[in-house]
Amino acid sequence: MSEEEHIDQESDFLKNTDKNPSNIQPKKLTLDSPLQFECHPGVPCFTACCHNIKIVLTPYDILVLRKRLGIPAHDFINQYTEPTYLEKTDMPGVQIKLTEDKKGCPFVTPEGCTVYQDRPSACRYYPVGMADFHEGGTNDAGEDKFFFLVKEPHCKGFEESKQWTIREWRADQGVDERDELNKEWLRLVMRRKSFGLQATLSEAAKRMFFMASTDLDSFRRFIFESSFLDTYEVDKETIEKIKEDDLELMLFSFSYLANTLFGAQGMTIKQEKIAAKVDEIKARQDEAMKKAEQDYADLKAERNRLQKEQEAAGQAKKE
């Protein structure tokens, strides 16, 4: 099939690939629920779901894709993504930048996905969505997890005869590993979302979240070329791991973000830094007290001067 013929065949489907909530089937599924679905080049709608779509990338998605392409994270972000906000929060992230002509994923051709083995997590889930209500986004909160189907009008994969369970489908797509690696980062987003619009992140916090989530090269420089290691207690084994291992660095970044953004346990400031900060605050307080005392003395002296002037003026009138 020529590319022109492929585009013509897709045209009837592209307008329906926008993940409309009405396409979500109102039925809770479990890992053992049955699923009849298969996607392959012989399906008439093949790759239609890769157009007119919002594919938000997790830190792990960015890591594996930029390694697949053999380019630095910064170059990958600039070339293949565009900015977005995550889950209706003020947390900045990135999504795949669609091609201008066909509004499709830049990694998709008529023959299929050119990065299939390293495709983003969002692509692996389709058409099985997951709702994970990890209350409050904290590590010790209870979980309420279930699955659901997304049935879009254009998708012919549901007409295929292949039978699975949700568990088997997820295993085939490599979703379980992705869930584990994305889990702590997604919980940061959910925790922020739970605060609602009444609280906002500072610009500095947004910049740090974005850097740690999208550019591990810059985050590594932040750790090793700033005062970070002079400020935080980090054991030698962890330092050696994050110095060379991008995956370990990514997981470390999640702990750091949880601590700095939400005060979660896991990062400890060195005692001497705390003592120095206390001394700095005390010095500022002492300086403020001295200034207040001086201001009071000046005010008292001015009042005494005015009283003496008034007394002198009154004496002059009597004479």
Protein backbone atom coordinates (compact mmCIF):
# COMPACT_ATOMS: atom_id res chain seq x y z
CA MET A 1 0.00 0.00 0.00
CA SER A 2 1.38 3.43 -0.96
CA GLU A 3 1.62 6.21 1.62
CA GLU A 4 -1.03 8.21 -0.29
CA GLU A 5 -3.46 5.28 -0.16
CA HIS A 6 -2.70 4.81 3.52
CA ILE A 7 -3.47 8.47 4.26
CA ASP A 8 -6.75 8.27 2.33
CA GLN A 9 -7.76 5.18 4.28
CA GLU A 10 -6.95 6.89 7.55
CA SER A 11 -8.91 10.06 6.78
CA ASP A 12 -12.23 8.59 7.95
CA PHE A 13 -10.70 7.69 11.29
CA LEU A 14 -8.49 10.61 12.25
CA LYS A 15 -11.28 12.88 13.42
CA ASN A 16 -12.34 10.25 15.96
CA THR A 17 -9.00 9.71 17.69
CA ASP A 18 -9.31 12.40 20.35
CA LYS A 19 -9.92 10.11 23.36
CA ASN A 20 -13.36 11.55 24.00
CA PRO A 21 -14.65 10.53 27.47
CA SER A 22 -17.77 9.17 25.76
CA ASN A 23 -15.56 6.42 24.32
CA ILE A 24 -14.79 5.08 27.79
CA GLN A 25 -16.86 2.01 28.56
CA PRO A 26 -18.74 2.45 31.87
CA LYS A 27 -17.69 -0.87 33.34
CA LYS A 28 -15.02 -1.63 35.93
CA LEU A 29 -12.68 -4.43 34.93
CA THR A 30 -10.18 -6.51 36.86
CA LEU A 31 -6.96 -8.17 35.80
CA ASP A 32 -8.90 -11.34 35.10
CA SER A 33 -11.60 -9.71 32.97
CA PRO A 34 -11.73 -10.95 29.35
CA LEU A 35 -10.61 -8.80 26.43
CA GLN A 36 -11.18 -9.42 22.72
CA PHE A 37 -8.74 -7.20 20.87
CA GLU A 38 -5.72 -7.26 18.59
CA CYS A 39 -3.81 -4.61 16.68
CA HIS A 40 -1.62 -5.50 13.68
CA PRO A 41 -0.84 -4.18 10.18
CA GLY A 42 -3.79 -6.07 8.71
CA VAL A 43 -6.35 -4.12 10.74
CA PRO A 44 -7.97 -1.41 8.51
CA CYS A 45 -7.41 1.33 11.09
CA PHE A 46 -3.74 0.47 11.70
CA THR A 47 -1.88 3.52 13.19
CA ALA A 48 -5.01 5.74 13.02
CA CYS A 49 -4.89 5.98 16.81
CA CYS A 50 -1.40 7.50 16.49
CA HIS A 51 -2.85 10.72 15.00
CA ASN A 52 -4.68 13.66 16.57
CA ILE A 53 -3.64 12.40 19.98
CA LYS A 54 -2.06 13.77 23.13
CA ILE A 55 0.81 11.52 24.23
CA VAL A 56 2.19 12.81 27.53
CA LEU A 57 5.65 11.48 28.33
CA THR A 58 6.85 10.24 31.70
CA PRO A 59 10.51 10.63 32.75
CA TYR A 60 11.10 6.96 31.91
CA ASP A 61 9.55 7.41 28.46
CA ILE A 62 11.97 10.27 27.78
CA LEU A 63 14.92 8.26 29.07
CA VAL A 64 14.36 5.22 26.85
CA LEU A 65 13.37 7.20 23.76
CA ARG A 66 16.35 9.53 23.78
CA LYS A 67 18.66 6.55 24.34
CA ARG A 68 16.95 4.75 21.46
CA LEU A 69 17.65 7.77 19.25
CA GLY A 70 21.15 8.28 20.65
CA ILE A 71 20.70 11.95 21.49
CA PRO A 72 20.92 14.01 24.70
CA ALA A 73 17.72 14.62 26.66
CA HIS A 74 17.83 18.34 25.86
CA ASP A 75 17.92 17.66 22.12
CA PHE A 76 15.11 15.13 22.36
CA ILE A 77 12.90 17.58 24.27
CA ASN A 78 13.51 20.37 21.77
CA GLN A 79 13.05 18.25 18.65
CA TYR A 80 10.27 15.82 19.50
CA THR A 81 8.14 17.36 22.26
CA GLU A 82 6.14 20.42 23.20
CA PRO A 83 5.19 21.75 26.65
CA THR A 84 1.99 20.83 28.44
CA TYR A 85 0.56 20.79 31.94
CA LEU A 86 0.03 17.49 33.72
CA GLU A 87 -3.40 16.25 34.82
CA LYS A 88 -4.96 19.75 35.01
CA THR A 89 -2.30 20.99 37.45
CA ASP A 90 0.35 23.68 37.22
CA MET A 91 3.07 21.01 36.98
CA PRO A 92 4.92 21.41 33.68
CA GLY A 93 5.60 18.42 31.45
CA VAL A 94 5.96 17.49 27.80
CA GLN A 95 3.93 15.69 25.16
CA ILE A 96 4.89 14.29 21.77
CA LYS A 97 4.94 17.03 19.13
CA LEU A 98 2.76 15.84 16.25
CA THR A 99 3.80 16.31 12.65
CA GLU A 100 2.39 19.45 11.04
CA ASP A 101 1.09 17.76 7.88
CA LYS A 102 -0.75 14.68 9.20
CA LYS A 103 -0.96 15.56 12.90
CA GLY A 104 0.59 12.20 13.66
CA CYS A 105 3.25 10.89 15.99
CA PRO A 106 6.66 11.58 14.40
CA PHE A 107 7.72 7.99 15.04
CA VAL A 108 4.84 6.43 13.08
CA THR A 109 4.91 5.38 9.41
CA PRO A 110 2.29 3.53 7.34
CA GLU A 111 4.19 0.34 8.22
CA GLY A 112 3.89 0.97 11.96
CA CYS A 113 5.83 2.43 14.89
CA THR A 114 9.56 2.90 14.30
CA VAL A 115 10.29 2.87 18.05
CA TYR A 116 7.82 0.13 18.96
CA GLN A 117 10.04 -1.66 21.48
CA ASP A 118 10.61 1.66 23.29
CA ARG A 119 7.20 3.27 22.69
CA PRO A 120 5.74 5.54 25.40
CA SER A 121 3.74 4.19 28.31
CA ALA A 122 0.52 5.83 27.07
CA CYS A 123 0.75 3.87 23.81
CA ARG A 124 1.14 0.58 25.68
CA TYR A 125 -2.02 1.06 27.71
CA TYR A 126 -4.38 1.48 24.76
CA PRO A 127 -7.16 0.35 24.72
CA VAL A 128 -7.09 -0.63 28.41
CA GLY A 129 -7.14 2.32 30.76
CA MET A 130 -6.36 2.16 34.46
CA ALA A 131 -7.75 4.21 37.33
CA ASP A 132 -5.45 4.21 40.35
CA PHE A 133 -6.95 6.15 43.23
CA HIS A 134 -3.93 6.22 45.48
CA GLU A 135 -5.46 8.42 48.14
CA GLY A 136 -3.60 11.67 48.63
CA GLY A 137 -0.71 10.47 46.49
CA THR A 138 1.26 9.33 49.53
CA ASN A 139 3.23 6.13 49.88
CA ASP A 140 1.24 4.88 52.87
CA ALA A 141 -2.22 5.61 51.45
CA GLY A 142 -4.65 2.95 50.36
CA GLU A 143 -5.10 2.03 46.71
CA ASP A 144 -8.27 1.52 44.71
CA LYS A 145 -7.27 0.29 41.27
CA PHE A 146 -9.46 -0.89 38.41
CA PHE A 147 -9.38 -1.02 34.61
CA PHE A 148 -11.68 0.09 31.80
CA LEU A 149 -11.87 -0.07 28.02
CA VAL A 150 -11.58 2.82 25.58
CA LYS A 151 -13.63 1.98 22.46
CA GLU A 152 -13.22 4.58 19.76
CA PRO A 153 -15.49 4.52 16.67
CA HIS A 154 -12.60 4.07 14.26
CA CYS A 155 -10.93 1.16 16.08
CA LYS A 156 -11.36 -2.23 14.37
CA GLY A 157 -9.10 -4.06 16.79
CA PHE A 158 -12.13 -5.09 18.84
CA GLU A 159 -13.46 -7.01 15.82
CA GLU A 160 -10.42 -9.30 15.80
CA SER A 161 -10.81 -12.78 17.29
CA LYS A 162 -7.84 -12.69 19.68
CA GLN A 163 -8.89 -13.40 23.29
CA TRP A 164 -6.94 -12.25 26.34
CA THR A 165 -7.42 -11.31 29.94
CA ILE A 166 -6.52 -7.81 31.01
CA ARG A 167 -3.56 -9.32 32.87
CA GLU A 168 -2.30 -11.08 29.75
CA TRP A 169 -2.72 -7.95 27.61
CA ARG A 170 -0.77 -5.82 30.08
CA ALA A 171 2.01 -8.39 30.29
CA ASP A 172 2.23 -8.56 26.51
CA GLN A 173 2.51 -4.77 26.30
CA GLY A 174 5.13 -4.50 29.04
CA VAL A 175 2.87 -2.29 31.11
CA ASP A 176 3.63 -3.75 34.54
CA GLU A 177 7.29 -2.71 34.38
CA ARG A 178 6.31 0.76 33.20
CA ASP A 179 3.78 1.09 36.01
CA GLU A 180 6.45 0.30 38.59
CA LEU A 181 8.98 2.73 37.12
CA ASN A 182 6.43 5.52 36.64
CA LYS A 183 4.62 5.00 39.94
CA GLU A 184 6.38 7.48 42.24
CA TRP A 185 6.44 10.22 39.61
CA LEU A 186 2.73 9.79 38.87
CA ARG A 187 2.01 9.99 42.58
CA LEU A 188 3.72 13.38 42.68
CA VAL A 189 1.32 14.56 40.00
CA MET A 190 -1.69 13.06 41.79
CA ARG A 191 -0.64 14.61 45.09
CA ARG A 192 -0.37 18.02 43.45
CA LYS A 193 -3.74 17.50 41.77
CA SER A 194 -5.35 16.69 45.14
CA PHE A 195 -4.45 20.18 46.41
CA GLY A 196 -6.66 21.79 43.78
CA LEU A 197 -6.29 25.34 42.50
CA GLN A 198 -6.14 26.98 45.91
CA ALA A 199 -2.39 26.32 46.08
CA THR A 200 0.22 27.01 43.44
CA LEU A 201 3.81 25.95 42.92
CA SER A 202 6.47 28.62 42.95
CA GLU A 203 8.28 29.32 39.69
CA ALA A 204 11.45 27.84 41.18
CA ALA A 205 9.56 24.64 42.10
CA LYS A 206 8.12 24.38 38.58
CA ARG A 207 11.57 24.78 37.04
CA MET A 208 13.02 22.10 39.30
CA PHE A 209 10.17 19.68 38.61
CA PHE A 210 10.51 20.20 34.86
CA MET A 211 14.29 19.76 34.85
CA ALA A 212 14.22 16.61 36.99
CA SER A 213 11.34 15.14 34.97
CA THR A 214 12.67 15.80 31.49
CA ASP A 215 16.45 16.29 31.51
CA LEU A 216 18.45 13.90 33.68
CA ASP A 217 21.70 15.26 32.24
CA SER A 218 20.96 18.68 33.73
CA PHE A 219 19.70 17.14 36.98
CA ARG A 220 22.96 15.19 37.35
CA ARG A 221 24.95 18.40 36.90
CA PHE A 222 22.73 20.05 39.51
CA ILE A 223 23.64 17.32 41.99
CA PHE A 224 27.35 17.11 41.33
CA GLU A 225 28.21 20.68 40.33
CA SER A 226 26.21 22.66 42.89
CA SER A 227 26.14 22.68 46.69
CA PHE A 228 23.63 19.80 46.68
CA LEU A 229 25.96 17.17 48.18
CA ASP A 230 27.14 19.69 50.77
CA THR A 231 23.53 20.23 51.78
CA TYR A 232 21.98 16.75 51.78
CA GLU A 233 23.01 13.49 53.41
CA VAL A 234 23.57 11.05 50.53
CA ASP A 235 25.40 7.79 51.17
CA LYS A 236 28.44 6.86 49.07
CA GLU A 237 26.70 3.89 47.44
CA THR A 238 23.86 6.08 46.18
CA ILE A 239 26.31 8.72 44.96
CA GLU A 240 28.17 6.12 42.90
CA LYS A 241 24.93 4.77 41.45
CA ILE A 242 23.45 8.09 40.39
CA LYS A 243 26.79 9.25 38.99
CA GLU A 244 26.61 6.69 36.16
CA ASP A 245 23.20 4.98 36.15
CA ASP A 246 20.40 7.05 34.58
CA LEU A 247 17.67 4.80 35.94
CA GLU A 248 18.97 5.13 39.50
CA LEU A 249 19.24 8.88 38.99
CA MET A 250 15.64 9.03 37.77
CA LEU A 251 14.36 7.18 40.84
CA PHE A 252 16.49 9.40 43.07
CA SER A 253 14.93 12.47 41.44
CA PHE A 254 11.46 11.25 42.43
CA SER A 255 12.51 11.09 46.09
CA TYR A 256 14.09 14.52 45.90
CA LEU A 257 10.99 16.06 44.30
CA ALA A 258 8.66 14.43 46.84
CA ASN A 259 10.78 15.89 49.64
CA THR A 260 11.24 19.39 48.25
CA LEU A 261 7.71 19.84 46.88
CA PHE A 262 5.67 18.05 49.53
CA GLY A 263 7.94 17.48 52.54
CA ALA A 264 7.98 13.69 52.16
CA GLN A 265 10.54 11.61 54.02
CA GLY A 266 13.61 10.28 52.23
CA MET A 267 15.99 13.24 52.03
CA THR A 268 17.91 14.57 55.05
CA ILE A 269 19.64 17.93 55.27
CA LYS A 270 23.06 17.79 56.93
CA GLN A 271 23.05 18.87 60.58
CA GLU A 272 25.79 21.44 60.02
CA LYS A 273 23.66 23.02 57.29
CA ILE A 274 20.68 23.14 59.62
CA ALA A 275 22.87 24.66 62.37
CA ALA A 276 24.28 27.19 59.91
CA LYS A 277 20.76 28.11 58.79
CA VAL A 278 19.61 28.49 62.39
CA ASP A 279 22.62 30.73 63.09
CA GLU A 280 21.83 32.75 59.96
CA ILE A 281 18.21 33.20 61.04
CA LYS A 282 19.29 34.09 64.58
CA ALA A 283 21.81 36.61 63.24
CA ARG A 284 19.08 38.21 61.12
CA GLN A 285 16.76 38.27 64.13
CA ASP A 286 19.51 39.80 66.32
CA GLU A 287 20.20 42.39 63.65
CA ALA A 288 16.49 43.16 63.37
CA MET A 289 16.28 43.48 67.16
CA LYS A 290 19.26 45.82 67.24
CA LYS A 291 17.72 47.93 64.51
CA ALA A 292 14.40 48.01 66.36
CA GLU A 293 16.17 49.08 69.56
CA GLN A 294 18.07 51.77 67.70
CA ASP A 295 14.88 52.98 66.01
CA TYR A 296 13.22 53.15 69.43
CA ALA A 297 16.16 55.06 70.91
CA ASP A 298 16.12 57.50 67.98
CA LEU A 299 12.37 57.96 68.33
CA LYS A 300 12.73 58.56 72.09
CA ALA A 301 15.53 61.07 71.54
CA GLU A 302 13.44 62.90 68.95
CA ARG A 303 10.50 63.02 71.35
CA ASN A 304 12.72 64.40 74.13
CA ARG A 305 14.11 67.02 71.74
CA LEU A 306 10.62 68.12 70.75
CA GLN A 307 9.58 68.30 74.42
CA LYS A 308 12.59 70.48 75.24
CA GLU A 309 11.83 72.77 72.31
CA GLN A 310 8.22 73.11 73.46
CA GLU A 311 9.35 73.82 77.04
CA ALA A 312 11.84 76.40 75.82
CA ALA A 313 9.21 78.06 73.66
CA GLY A 314 6.81 78.20 76.61
CA GLN A 315 9.46 79.71 78.88
CA ALA A 316 10.25 82.33 76.25
CA LYS A 317 6.61 83.44 76.13
CA LYS A 318 6.51 83.88 79.94
CA GLU A 319 9.54 86.13 79.83
